[in-house]
Structure formats: C-alpha cells, structure tokens
Amino acid sequence: MTYRRWFVLGVAFAVIGALVAAFAIFYGNFSPRGYVQDHYTRAASRDVGSDAVAYTSNRAPSQVAKDVTGAWKPADQYVDGSGVYLRYDDDSVVILPIATGSVILLERMRTAYPRYHSTVGSYWGWGRGSTVRGGGPGAGK
C-alpha cells in the first residue's frame, strides 16, 4: 500500500472512533445522575425547588439504593428510617419512601449537604471520595 492509502485508512479509523466516543458521551450514563435518569421515572411535581430533581420507583428505598450503589459506588452512605442518603463527588442521591415506592432526589452537593446536614452531618464526609477524618499524621487536628 502507498502512504496515501495508509493515511486514508488512518483517518477513517479516527472518524469512526470519534463517532463511537460521541455516541457514548451523549447516550451513556457516566455518573450516578445519568444512571438515575436512565432507570427511573421523572416526577417533576416532586422536585424540591430548583435544586433537587425528582424521580420515582415502585420499589422500596433499600432496593433502589442497592441498584444505584451496584452501578455507582458512593463516597459515603447513610441509612436511617427516613431514607437512604448517598454522597458522590459532585452529586447526592437521596432515596425517600413514599406510599407507592420511592422518590429519588438528585441534587448537587453544594445544596444537598446544607439541606440534609441535620440528618447526615456527622456521617457524610466532605471532599472528593474522602471522609472528614484520616489523611495521615497530624491531619484534622
């Protein structure tokens, strides 16, 4: 083969690769937020202001939490009688019981932490995938 054919073949593979990557980015679920959006029913009437976007499931909160954490491991998790609280790097997924199953609230951490602090304040660590304590000698003193 000549150099020109190798060049054309290389460009063709690059274009195909770019198309596959674009498809994956636009149609894949690369976050807990994307997972919830793809697997549960949108329930705009249950949104909490403009910060927490609501979805519903006919399954119990513990079952929904098992599915979500099976797909995306949270940095922190807190469970009590009021619901399941999952903390990720940038997002929170709060799963609360309702009469017909669960409501799943997606919210950015900057607004979720203040909202749920009274429930998860001493359980959720702060920061990217870490807890408040730890980090080596002298850390957190």
Protein backbone atom coordinates (compact mmCIF):
# COMPACT_ATOMS: atom_id res chain seq x y z
CA MET A 1 0.00 0.00 0.00
CA THR A 2 1.10 3.52 -0.60
CA TYR A 3 1.39 6.15 2.10
CA ARG A 4 -1.76 7.82 0.82
CA ARG A 5 -3.85 4.68 1.40
CA TRP A 6 -2.43 4.31 4.94
CA PHE A 7 -3.32 7.94 5.60
CA VAL A 8 -6.89 7.48 4.32
CA LEU A 9 -7.28 4.29 6.37
CA GLY A 10 -5.97 6.07 9.49
CA VAL A 11 -8.36 9.00 9.00
CA ALA A 12 -11.28 6.59 8.52
CA PHE A 13 -10.48 4.82 11.81
CA ALA A 14 -10.13 8.16 13.59
CA VAL A 15 -13.54 9.30 12.32
CA ILE A 16 -15.16 6.02 13.39
CA GLY A 17 -13.51 6.31 16.81
CA ALA A 18 -14.75 9.87 17.22
CA LEU A 19 -18.31 8.84 16.30
CA VAL A 20 -18.27 5.97 18.80
CA ALA A 21 -16.92 8.28 21.54
CA ALA A 22 -19.55 10.94 20.78
CA PHE A 23 -22.33 8.34 20.90
CA ALA A 24 -21.05 7.03 24.24
CA ILE A 25 -20.84 10.53 25.72
CA PHE A 26 -24.32 11.61 24.64
CA TYR A 27 -26.16 8.34 25.22
CA GLY A 28 -24.22 6.70 28.03
CA ASN A 29 -24.73 7.10 31.75
CA PHE A 30 -21.34 8.04 33.13
CA SER A 31 -22.49 9.19 36.55
CA PRO A 32 -24.97 8.30 39.27
CA ARG A 33 -27.10 11.16 37.93
CA GLY A 34 -27.16 9.57 34.47
CA TYR A 35 -27.95 6.16 35.95
CA VAL A 36 -30.99 7.50 37.83
CA GLN A 37 -32.17 9.47 34.79
CA ASP A 38 -31.95 6.35 32.61
CA HIS A 39 -33.57 3.90 35.04
CA TYR A 40 -36.32 5.76 36.90
CA THR A 41 -39.42 7.80 36.06
CA ARG A 42 -39.16 11.59 36.11
CA ALA A 43 -41.57 13.18 38.61
CA ALA A 44 -41.34 16.96 38.21
CA SER A 45 -44.20 17.51 40.68
CA ARG A 46 -41.96 16.11 43.44
CA ASP A 47 -38.95 18.36 42.71
CA VAL A 48 -37.63 20.30 45.70
CA GLY A 49 -37.37 23.84 44.42
CA SER A 50 -35.00 24.18 41.51
CA ASP A 51 -32.19 22.27 43.24
CA ALA A 52 -33.43 18.69 43.74
CA VAL A 53 -34.76 16.89 40.66
CA ALA A 54 -37.17 14.05 41.49
CA TYR A 55 -37.65 10.58 40.04
CA THR A 56 -39.84 7.76 41.28
CA SER A 57 -39.75 3.99 41.51
CA ASN A 58 -42.33 1.46 42.65
CA ARG A 59 -39.56 -0.31 44.61
CA ALA A 60 -38.57 0.26 48.24
CA PRO A 61 -35.73 2.70 49.01
CA SER A 62 -33.41 -0.15 50.05
CA GLN A 63 -33.93 -1.88 46.69
CA VAL A 64 -33.37 1.33 44.72
CA ALA A 65 -30.24 2.06 46.78
CA LYS A 66 -28.92 -1.43 46.07
CA ASP A 67 -29.34 -0.84 42.32
CA VAL A 68 -27.76 2.62 42.35
CA THR A 69 -24.82 1.63 44.58
CA GLY A 70 -24.31 -1.51 42.49
CA ALA A 71 -23.82 0.68 39.43
CA TRP A 72 -22.01 3.59 41.16
CA LYS A 73 -20.20 3.17 44.48
CA PRO A 74 -20.87 6.20 46.70
CA ALA A 75 -18.16 8.06 48.61
CA ASP A 76 -20.44 7.95 51.67
CA GLN A 77 -23.77 6.39 52.51
CA TYR A 78 -26.17 6.92 55.39
CA VAL A 79 -29.34 4.94 56.01
CA ASP A 80 -31.99 5.58 58.64
CA GLY A 81 -35.75 5.36 58.97
CA SER A 82 -36.23 8.47 56.88
CA GLY A 83 -34.41 7.15 53.79
CA VAL A 84 -31.11 6.39 52.09
CA TYR A 85 -28.60 9.20 51.57
CA LEU A 86 -25.81 8.65 49.03
CA ARG A 87 -22.95 11.11 48.59
CA TYR A 88 -20.88 11.16 45.41
CA ASP A 89 -18.14 13.58 44.36
CA ASP A 90 -20.46 16.25 42.96
CA ASP A 91 -23.95 14.81 43.43
CA SER A 92 -26.17 13.39 46.11
CA VAL A 93 -28.83 10.75 45.56
CA VAL A 94 -31.44 10.78 48.31
CA ILE A 95 -33.98 7.96 48.26
CA LEU A 96 -37.07 8.52 50.39
CA PRO A 97 -40.06 6.23 50.95
CA ILE A 98 -43.46 7.14 49.57
CA ALA A 99 -46.71 5.16 49.65
CA THR A 100 -46.14 3.70 46.17
CA GLY A 101 -42.39 3.01 46.46
CA SER A 102 -39.63 5.62 46.47
CA VAL A 103 -38.84 9.14 45.41
CA ILE A 104 -35.25 9.62 44.26
CA LEU A 105 -33.88 13.15 44.57
CA LEU A 106 -30.80 14.18 42.56
CA GLU A 107 -29.05 17.26 43.84
CA ARG A 108 -25.62 18.87 43.63
CA MET A 109 -23.59 18.53 46.83
CA ARG A 110 -23.33 22.30 47.31
CA THR A 111 -27.09 22.46 48.02
CA ALA A 112 -27.70 18.89 49.26
CA TYR A 113 -25.25 19.00 52.17
CA PRO A 114 -26.86 22.06 53.79
CA ARG A 115 -30.34 20.63 53.16
CA TYR A 116 -29.61 17.23 54.75
CA HIS A 117 -26.94 18.28 57.27
CA SER A 118 -29.22 17.67 60.25
CA THR A 119 -29.57 14.04 59.14
CA VAL A 120 -26.16 13.19 57.64
CA GLY A 121 -23.91 15.88 59.13
CA SER A 122 -21.76 13.58 61.23
CA TYR A 123 -21.92 10.68 58.75
CA TRP A 124 -21.17 12.18 55.35
CA GLY A 125 -17.54 13.13 54.96
CA TRP A 126 -16.70 16.17 52.90
CA GLY A 127 -14.48 16.32 49.84
CA ARG A 128 -13.89 14.10 46.85
CA GLY A 129 -14.29 10.50 47.93
CA SER A 130 -12.86 11.03 51.39
CA THR A 131 -14.16 11.35 54.90
CA VAL A 132 -13.51 14.17 57.31
CA ARG A 133 -11.06 12.11 59.39
CA GLY A 134 -7.92 10.42 58.20
CA GLY A 135 -5.24 11.58 55.85
CA GLY A 136 -2.11 10.75 57.82
CA PRO A 137 -0.24 12.07 60.85
CA GLY A 138 -1.47 15.40 62.11
CA ALA A 139 -4.40 15.56 59.68
CA GLY A 140 -7.62 17.03 61.02
CA LYS A 141 -6.10 18.40 64.24
